[in-house]
């Protein structure tokens, strides 16, 4: 009898705690999303007008919108900049696209580096190390191959570098679905979980982030932290590039500009592998925050809470949490045209995220560019 009462009481308080935790996150994240809505870019310093820029684009094979994404970097309104594209293999199909850009924009300084030299376990960093000697300018911008940008991108992301106390500038990003159901679901991972979590952390003063979508920094800053060589065996090279500059006493700036990132997975297996790699990488660099991040998955958490403690109060709190989740979905679009009915996918999206989160706790194996690796605490990588 007493045992039954004890377990019933535990279930009630646990269920109530889950509902309250999900509600708390949903409301606070909604506030952070609302605060960022309509943010205007800070115009500080001379930005891209004061210093020439080398843009480093490590490439590997072709992607559905690779040419269009690279072309966006050729349409910048910055005064002087250089585009450096790098591949490892002489038969990489991305080479033809770079040559096409050279033909279309003969007035631009577009370098192509083909170098198979491997400097460590991280092949992207190896690519960057091979490309860096061809970068001629003192300000550097690193951007992944699947990023789409507006014409004022370089001017905006480099503007804060005029302040010598700034170490890096980085950009959040939104998902651009390629085709079909699974790519749309993948966009929700970015737009409705990842980006709101970063905004919330930023609102509370955290600057422990840096994203491969964009990292802008001065060459002297890169040299001061040990160059790309120090990242050659790290999985989360973007995060550690930012972390090392912070450890050097420099600030990280989160740009008000958001860029697009392609979500091209068309199968559940591919989406699962990609998102599991993201989650295990996050776990490696921020284990405490990752362990508590289950409260971010609003729909399954409130449903579990209600199953354990089905009270009228908890039902009301769950409804408020659900409404906050729906409103955040629309705020996250920030004027972008996306199907409104994708909001109906949010329960599935949250449920899949919770399952991926649980699986991410069980190991360190990740699949990256067709290679299976282990992410270890601290961000280093090794082969299985």
Protein backbone atom coordinates (compact mmCIF):
# COMPACT_ATOMS: atom_id res chain seq x y z
CA UNK A 1 0.00 0.00 0.00
CA UNK A 2 2.66 2.51 1.05
CA UNK A 3 4.75 1.42 -1.89
CA UNK A 4 1.88 2.18 -4.27
CA UNK A 5 1.36 5.59 -2.70
CA UNK A 6 5.08 6.34 -2.95
CA UNK A 7 5.28 5.43 -6.64
CA UNK A 8 2.06 7.26 -7.45
CA UNK A 9 3.42 10.35 -5.74
CA UNK A 10 6.72 10.10 -7.61
CA UNK A 11 4.88 9.71 -10.91
CA UNK A 12 2.70 12.73 -10.14
CA UNK A 13 5.61 15.02 -9.26
CA UNK A 14 7.71 13.78 -12.16
CA UNK A 15 4.84 14.32 -14.60
CA UNK A 16 4.17 17.79 -13.23
CA UNK A 17 7.87 18.65 -13.42
CA UNK A 18 8.02 17.55 -17.05
CA UNK A 19 5.01 19.66 -18.00
CA UNK A 20 6.41 22.70 -16.16
CA UNK A 21 9.86 22.24 -17.67
CA UNK A 22 8.46 21.95 -21.20
CA UNK A 23 6.25 24.98 -20.60
CA UNK A 24 9.14 27.01 -19.21
CA UNK A 25 11.36 26.29 -22.19
CA UNK A 26 8.57 26.85 -24.74
CA UNK A 27 7.69 30.27 -23.30
CA UNK A 28 11.28 31.48 -22.84
CA UNK A 29 12.30 30.25 -26.30
CA UNK A 30 9.26 32.02 -27.74
CA UNK A 31 10.42 35.23 -26.08
CA UNK A 32 13.91 34.84 -27.51
CA UNK A 33 12.49 34.20 -30.99
CA UNK A 34 10.26 37.27 -30.71
CA UNK A 35 13.17 39.43 -29.60
CA UNK A 36 15.20 38.42 -32.66
CA UNK A 37 12.32 39.09 -35.06
CA UNK A 38 13.05 42.00 -37.34
CA UNK A 39 16.51 42.60 -35.89
CA UNK A 40 18.52 45.10 -37.89
CA UNK A 41 22.18 44.66 -38.74
CA UNK A 42 24.64 46.67 -36.63
CA UNK A 43 26.57 49.11 -38.77
CA UNK A 44 29.79 49.39 -36.80
CA UNK A 45 33.17 50.10 -38.28
CA UNK A 46 33.89 50.24 -41.96
CA UNK A 47 33.38 46.49 -42.37
CA UNK A 48 34.22 45.06 -45.72
CA UNK A 49 35.04 48.51 -47.09
CA UNK A 50 38.14 48.78 -44.85
CA UNK A 51 39.88 45.47 -45.48
CA UNK A 52 40.16 42.93 -48.28
CA UNK A 53 38.63 39.50 -47.66
CA UNK A 54 39.50 35.95 -48.66
CA UNK A 55 36.53 33.58 -48.64
CA UNK A 56 37.51 29.93 -48.11
CA UNK A 57 35.11 27.33 -49.50
CA UNK A 58 36.13 23.71 -48.85
CA UNK A 59 34.31 21.50 -51.36
CA UNK A 60 33.69 17.78 -51.65
CA UNK A 61 31.73 16.47 -54.60
CA UNK A 62 28.54 18.03 -55.89
CA UNK A 63 25.35 18.95 -54.05
CA UNK A 64 21.91 19.75 -55.48
CA UNK A 65 22.36 23.54 -55.33
CA UNK A 66 26.15 23.83 -55.15
CA UNK A 67 26.51 26.06 -58.21
CA UNK A 68 23.75 28.43 -57.11
CA UNK A 69 25.20 28.64 -53.60
CA UNK A 70 28.72 29.35 -54.87
CA UNK A 71 27.36 31.88 -57.34
CA UNK A 72 25.90 33.87 -54.46
CA UNK A 73 29.45 34.44 -53.21
CA UNK A 74 30.32 35.92 -56.62
CA UNK A 75 27.59 38.56 -56.38
CA UNK A 76 28.81 40.35 -53.26
CA UNK A 77 28.84 44.13 -52.97
CA UNK A 78 32.12 44.13 -51.03
CA UNK A 79 34.83 46.25 -52.63
CA UNK A 80 37.69 43.74 -52.68
CA UNK A 81 37.44 40.03 -52.01
CA UNK A 82 38.76 36.72 -53.23
CA UNK A 83 37.02 33.35 -53.47
CA UNK A 84 39.24 30.32 -52.74
CA UNK A 85 37.69 26.92 -53.48
CA UNK A 86 39.47 23.74 -52.47
CA UNK A 87 39.07 20.04 -53.30
CA UNK A 88 41.18 16.99 -52.51
CA UNK A 89 40.88 14.96 -55.71
CA UNK A 90 41.65 15.93 -59.30
CA UNK A 91 38.46 14.22 -60.51
CA UNK A 92 36.16 15.93 -58.01
CA UNK A 93 33.03 17.03 -59.94
CA UNK A 94 32.97 20.34 -58.03
CA UNK A 95 35.97 21.45 -60.14
CA UNK A 96 33.79 21.85 -63.23
CA UNK A 97 31.41 24.12 -61.30
CA UNK A 98 34.27 26.32 -60.09
CA UNK A 99 35.55 26.61 -63.67
CA UNK A 100 32.06 27.56 -64.78
CA UNK A 101 32.08 30.37 -62.21
CA UNK A 102 35.44 31.55 -63.48
CA UNK A 103 34.04 31.73 -66.99
CA UNK A 104 30.92 33.58 -65.85
CA UNK A 105 32.78 36.04 -63.58
CA UNK A 106 36.17 36.65 -65.23
CA UNK A 107 36.57 39.91 -63.32
CA UNK A 108 36.55 38.11 -59.95
CA UNK A 109 39.56 36.62 -58.18
CA UNK A 110 38.55 32.94 -57.98
CA UNK A 111 41.23 30.47 -56.93
CA UNK A 112 40.97 26.70 -57.23
CA UNK A 113 43.17 24.51 -55.05
CA UNK A 114 43.45 20.78 -55.80
CA UNK A 115 45.59 19.12 -53.13
CA UNK A 116 45.22 15.58 -51.70
CA UNK A 117 47.53 16.22 -48.74
CA UNK A 118 46.02 14.94 -45.49
CA UNK A 119 47.00 16.74 -42.30
CA UNK A 120 44.87 14.84 -39.79
CA UNK A 121 41.61 12.96 -39.24
CA UNK A 122 39.44 15.94 -40.21
CA UNK A 123 39.51 16.13 -44.01
CA UNK A 124 37.70 19.48 -44.09
CA UNK A 125 40.46 21.04 -41.98
CA UNK A 126 43.05 19.37 -44.23
CA UNK A 127 41.35 21.08 -47.15
CA UNK A 128 41.48 24.44 -45.36
CA UNK A 129 45.16 23.97 -44.58
CA UNK A 130 45.85 23.32 -48.25
CA UNK A 131 43.82 26.35 -49.30
CA UNK A 132 45.17 28.88 -46.83
CA UNK A 133 48.49 29.64 -48.65
CA UNK A 134 46.42 30.84 -51.65
CA UNK A 135 44.38 33.24 -49.50
CA UNK A 136 45.91 36.66 -50.09
CA UNK A 137 43.93 38.93 -47.80
CA UNK A 138 44.08 39.70 -44.05
CA UNK A 139 40.43 38.99 -43.27
CA UNK A 140 39.11 35.44 -43.72
CA UNK A 141 35.57 34.14 -44.09
CA UNK A 142 34.97 30.38 -43.86
CA UNK A 143 31.65 29.05 -45.13
CA UNK A 144 30.41 25.53 -45.79
CA UNK A 145 29.58 24.51 -49.34
CA UNK A 146 25.81 24.26 -48.79
CA UNK A 147 25.33 27.87 -47.64
CA UNK A 148 23.29 30.45 -49.59
CA UNK A 149 23.86 34.15 -48.91
CA UNK A 150 22.50 37.59 -49.93
CA UNK A 151 24.55 40.23 -51.76
CA UNK A 152 25.38 42.16 -48.57
CA UNK A 153 26.63 39.04 -46.77
CA UNK A 154 30.36 39.84 -46.72
CA UNK A 155 29.83 43.45 -45.74
CA UNK A 156 27.63 42.51 -42.80
CA UNK A 157 29.53 39.55 -41.39
CA UNK A 158 32.92 41.26 -41.52
CA UNK A 159 31.81 44.63 -40.11
CA UNK A 160 32.43 43.64 -36.44
CA UNK A 161 36.05 42.63 -37.23
CA UNK A 162 36.92 46.34 -37.26
CA UNK A 163 36.80 45.99 -33.45
CA UNK A 164 40.09 44.37 -32.41
CA UNK A 165 38.40 42.81 -29.37
CA UNK A 166 36.27 40.63 -31.67
CA UNK A 167 37.70 37.18 -32.33
CA UNK A 168 35.14 35.68 -34.69
CA UNK A 169 31.80 36.54 -36.23
CA UNK A 170 29.40 33.69 -36.91
CA UNK A 171 25.91 33.31 -38.41
CA UNK A 172 22.88 31.30 -37.50
CA UNK A 173 21.11 29.65 -40.39
CA UNK A 174 17.73 28.46 -41.57
CA UNK A 175 16.93 25.29 -43.46
CA UNK A 176 16.32 25.28 -47.21
CA UNK A 177 14.51 22.04 -48.16
CA UNK A 178 15.68 20.37 -51.33
CA UNK A 179 12.87 17.98 -52.08
CA UNK A 180 10.27 15.92 -50.31
CA UNK A 181 9.03 15.14 -46.84
CA UNK A 182 12.30 14.25 -45.12
CA UNK A 183 14.12 17.39 -46.19
CA UNK A 184 11.22 19.46 -44.83
CA UNK A 185 11.41 17.56 -41.56
CA UNK A 186 15.16 18.21 -41.49
CA UNK A 187 14.53 21.95 -41.85
CA UNK A 188 12.41 21.82 -38.70
CA UNK A 189 15.42 20.38 -36.83
CA UNK A 190 17.28 23.60 -37.67
CA UNK A 191 14.49 26.18 -37.57
CA UNK A 192 12.46 24.95 -34.61
CA UNK A 193 15.03 23.38 -32.35
CA UNK A 194 18.62 24.32 -33.09
CA UNK A 195 18.24 28.02 -33.93
CA UNK A 196 15.84 28.80 -31.03
CA UNK A 197 18.20 27.01 -28.62
CA UNK A 198 21.12 29.14 -29.79
CA UNK A 199 19.08 32.34 -29.55
CA UNK A 200 18.02 31.43 -26.05
CA UNK A 201 21.60 30.72 -24.97
CA UNK A 202 22.68 33.99 -26.58
CA UNK A 203 19.93 35.90 -24.75
CA UNK A 204 21.26 34.56 -21.44
CA UNK A 205 24.79 35.69 -22.27
CA UNK A 206 26.41 32.54 -23.66
CA UNK A 207 28.85 32.99 -26.53
CA UNK A 208 30.08 29.37 -26.67
CA UNK A 209 29.17 28.75 -30.28
CA UNK A 210 30.57 29.04 -33.80
CA UNK A 211 28.96 27.59 -36.88
CA UNK A 212 30.35 26.26 -40.15
CA UNK A 213 27.71 28.33 -41.94
CA UNK A 214 30.01 31.33 -41.42
CA UNK A 215 33.11 32.11 -39.41
CA UNK A 216 34.75 35.47 -40.11
CA UNK A 217 38.05 36.31 -38.44
CA UNK A 218 41.31 38.16 -38.96
CA UNK A 219 44.27 36.15 -40.20
CA UNK A 220 46.31 37.37 -37.22
CA UNK A 221 43.69 35.88 -34.89
CA UNK A 222 43.94 32.51 -36.63
CA UNK A 223 47.73 32.58 -36.33
CA UNK A 224 47.56 33.57 -32.65
CA UNK A 225 45.51 30.49 -31.70
CA UNK A 226 47.77 28.07 -33.58
CA UNK A 227 46.25 28.11 -37.06
CA UNK A 228 44.15 25.38 -38.66
CA UNK A 229 46.77 22.81 -37.64
CA UNK A 230 45.45 22.78 -34.08
CA UNK A 231 42.05 21.66 -35.43
CA UNK A 232 43.27 18.84 -37.67
CA UNK A 233 42.00 16.08 -35.35
CA UNK A 234 38.79 17.72 -34.09
CA UNK A 235 35.31 16.82 -35.23
CA UNK A 236 33.62 20.10 -34.19
CA UNK A 237 36.27 22.27 -35.87
CA UNK A 238 33.90 25.25 -36.14
CA UNK A 239 33.08 25.19 -32.42
CA UNK A 240 36.72 24.85 -31.40
CA UNK A 241 37.81 27.65 -33.70
CA UNK A 242 35.47 29.90 -31.77
CA UNK A 243 36.38 28.40 -28.40
CA UNK A 244 40.10 28.98 -28.91
CA UNK A 245 39.54 32.63 -29.77
CA UNK A 246 37.40 33.03 -26.65
CA UNK A 247 40.13 31.44 -24.55
CA UNK A 248 42.47 34.05 -26.04
CA UNK A 249 40.25 36.76 -24.54
CA UNK A 250 38.43 37.77 -27.72
CA UNK A 251 34.68 38.12 -28.19
CA UNK A 252 32.36 36.07 -30.36
CA UNK A 253 29.74 38.05 -32.28
CA UNK A 254 26.53 36.42 -33.47
CA UNK A 255 25.59 38.28 -36.65
CA UNK A 256 22.02 39.43 -37.11
CA UNK A 257 22.24 38.02 -40.63
CA UNK A 258 20.93 34.49 -41.09
CA UNK A 259 22.09 32.44 -44.05
CA UNK A 260 20.42 29.45 -45.69
CA UNK A 261 21.69 25.90 -45.45
CA UNK A 262 20.51 23.17 -47.79
CA UNK A 263 18.76 20.16 -46.31
CA UNK A 264 19.03 17.60 -49.06
CA UNK A 265 18.27 14.32 -47.29
CA UNK A 266 15.44 12.48 -49.04
CA UNK A 267 15.45 9.35 -46.86
CA UNK A 268 14.93 8.82 -43.14
CA UNK A 269 18.19 6.86 -42.84
CA UNK A 270 20.23 9.75 -44.27
CA UNK A 271 18.45 12.32 -42.10
CA UNK A 272 18.91 10.16 -39.00
CA UNK A 273 22.65 9.75 -39.61
CA UNK A 274 23.14 13.48 -40.19
CA UNK A 275 21.18 14.58 -37.14
CA UNK A 276 22.73 11.93 -34.92
CA UNK A 277 26.16 13.26 -35.90
CA UNK A 278 25.05 16.77 -34.97
CA UNK A 279 23.66 15.65 -31.63
CA UNK A 280 26.69 13.56 -30.65
CA UNK A 281 28.96 16.44 -31.63
CA UNK A 282 26.93 18.77 -29.40
CA UNK A 283 27.14 16.20 -26.62
CA UNK A 284 30.94 16.09 -26.98
CA UNK A 285 31.41 19.85 -26.64
CA UNK A 286 28.57 20.65 -24.19
CA UNK A 287 27.66 17.49 -22.25
CA UNK A 288 25.78 19.26 -19.45
CA UNK A 289 23.56 21.31 -21.70
CA UNK A 290 22.95 18.34 -23.96
CA UNK A 291 21.83 16.15 -21.04
CA UNK A 292 19.12 18.68 -20.15
CA UNK A 293 18.06 19.49 -23.70
CA UNK A 294 15.22 16.95 -23.66
CA UNK A 295 12.98 19.70 -22.22
CA UNK A 296 13.24 21.41 -25.63
CA UNK A 297 11.15 18.68 -27.27
CA UNK A 298 7.81 20.15 -26.28
CA UNK A 299 5.18 17.79 -27.64
CA UNK A 300 6.44 14.39 -26.37
CA UNK A 301 7.57 15.86 -23.03
CA UNK A 302 4.18 17.42 -22.23
CA UNK A 303 2.38 14.27 -23.35
CA UNK A 304 4.57 12.14 -21.11
CA UNK A 305 3.99 14.57 -18.26
CA UNK A 306 0.24 14.41 -18.75
CA UNK A 307 0.33 10.60 -18.85
CA UNK A 308 2.07 10.59 -15.47
CA UNK A 309 0.05 13.43 -13.90
CA UNK A 310 -3.25 13.94 -15.78
CA UNK A 311 -4.55 16.89 -13.74
CA UNK A 312 -6.60 19.82 -14.98
CA UNK A 313 -3.78 22.23 -14.07
CA UNK A 314 -1.22 20.24 -16.01
CA UNK A 315 -3.57 20.04 -18.98
CA UNK A 316 -3.87 23.84 -19.00
CA UNK A 317 -0.11 24.24 -18.71
CA UNK A 318 0.39 21.75 -21.54
CA UNK A 319 -2.00 23.70 -23.76
CA UNK A 320 -0.04 26.91 -23.13
CA UNK A 321 3.19 25.07 -23.95
CA UNK A 322 1.68 23.74 -27.17
CA UNK A 323 0.42 27.17 -28.19
CA UNK A 324 3.86 28.66 -27.52
CA UNK A 325 5.41 25.94 -29.66
CA UNK A 326 3.07 26.73 -32.55
CA UNK A 327 3.66 30.49 -32.34
CA UNK A 328 7.42 29.92 -32.25
CA UNK A 329 7.13 27.89 -35.44
CA UNK A 330 5.73 30.90 -37.28
CA UNK A 331 8.10 33.42 -35.70
CA UNK A 332 11.08 31.27 -36.73
CA UNK A 333 10.16 31.88 -40.39
CA UNK A 334 10.80 35.64 -39.95
CA UNK A 335 8.98 36.51 -43.16
CA UNK A 336 10.31 33.58 -45.20
CA UNK A 337 7.81 31.78 -47.38
CA UNK A 338 7.30 28.26 -46.08
CA UNK A 339 4.20 26.02 -46.05
CA UNK A 340 2.10 26.95 -43.02
CA UNK A 341 0.89 23.38 -42.71
CA UNK A 342 4.40 22.26 -41.79
CA UNK A 343 3.36 23.21 -38.26
CA UNK A 344 1.46 19.89 -38.28
CA UNK A 345 4.84 18.15 -38.53
CA UNK A 346 6.10 19.60 -35.24
CA UNK A 347 4.81 16.73 -33.03
CA UNK A 348 6.59 14.21 -35.28
CA UNK A 349 9.68 16.45 -35.39
CA UNK A 350 9.84 16.71 -31.58
CA UNK A 351 9.22 12.99 -31.16
CA UNK A 352 11.99 12.07 -33.58
CA UNK A 353 14.33 14.53 -31.87
CA UNK A 354 13.65 12.96 -28.48
CA UNK A 355 14.41 9.52 -29.89
CA UNK A 356 17.62 10.78 -31.54
CA UNK A 357 18.62 12.49 -28.29
CA UNK A 358 18.18 9.23 -26.38
CA UNK A 359 20.20 7.26 -28.95
CA UNK A 360 22.91 9.95 -28.96
CA UNK A 361 23.47 9.22 -25.26
CA UNK A 362 24.34 5.59 -25.97
CA UNK A 363 27.57 6.02 -27.92
CA UNK A 364 29.97 8.21 -29.87
CA UNK A 365 29.93 6.74 -33.38
CA UNK A 366 29.12 9.26 -36.12
CA UNK A 367 28.94 9.04 -39.90
CA UNK A 368 30.55 11.96 -41.69
CA UNK A 369 31.11 12.15 -45.46
CA UNK A 370 30.79 8.38 -45.69
CA UNK A 371 33.37 7.75 -42.95
CA UNK A 372 32.53 6.30 -39.55
CA UNK A 373 34.31 7.99 -36.64
CA UNK A 374 34.04 8.29 -32.89
CA UNK A 375 33.50 11.64 -31.23
CA UNK A 376 35.20 11.76 -27.86
CA UNK A 377 34.84 14.23 -25.02
CA UNK A 378 36.66 17.42 -25.89
CA UNK A 379 35.82 17.18 -29.57
CA UNK A 380 38.70 15.04 -30.87
CA UNK A 381 37.98 12.25 -33.32
CA UNK A 382 39.36 8.83 -34.03
CA UNK A 383 38.57 6.02 -36.38
CA UNK A 384 36.62 3.03 -35.06
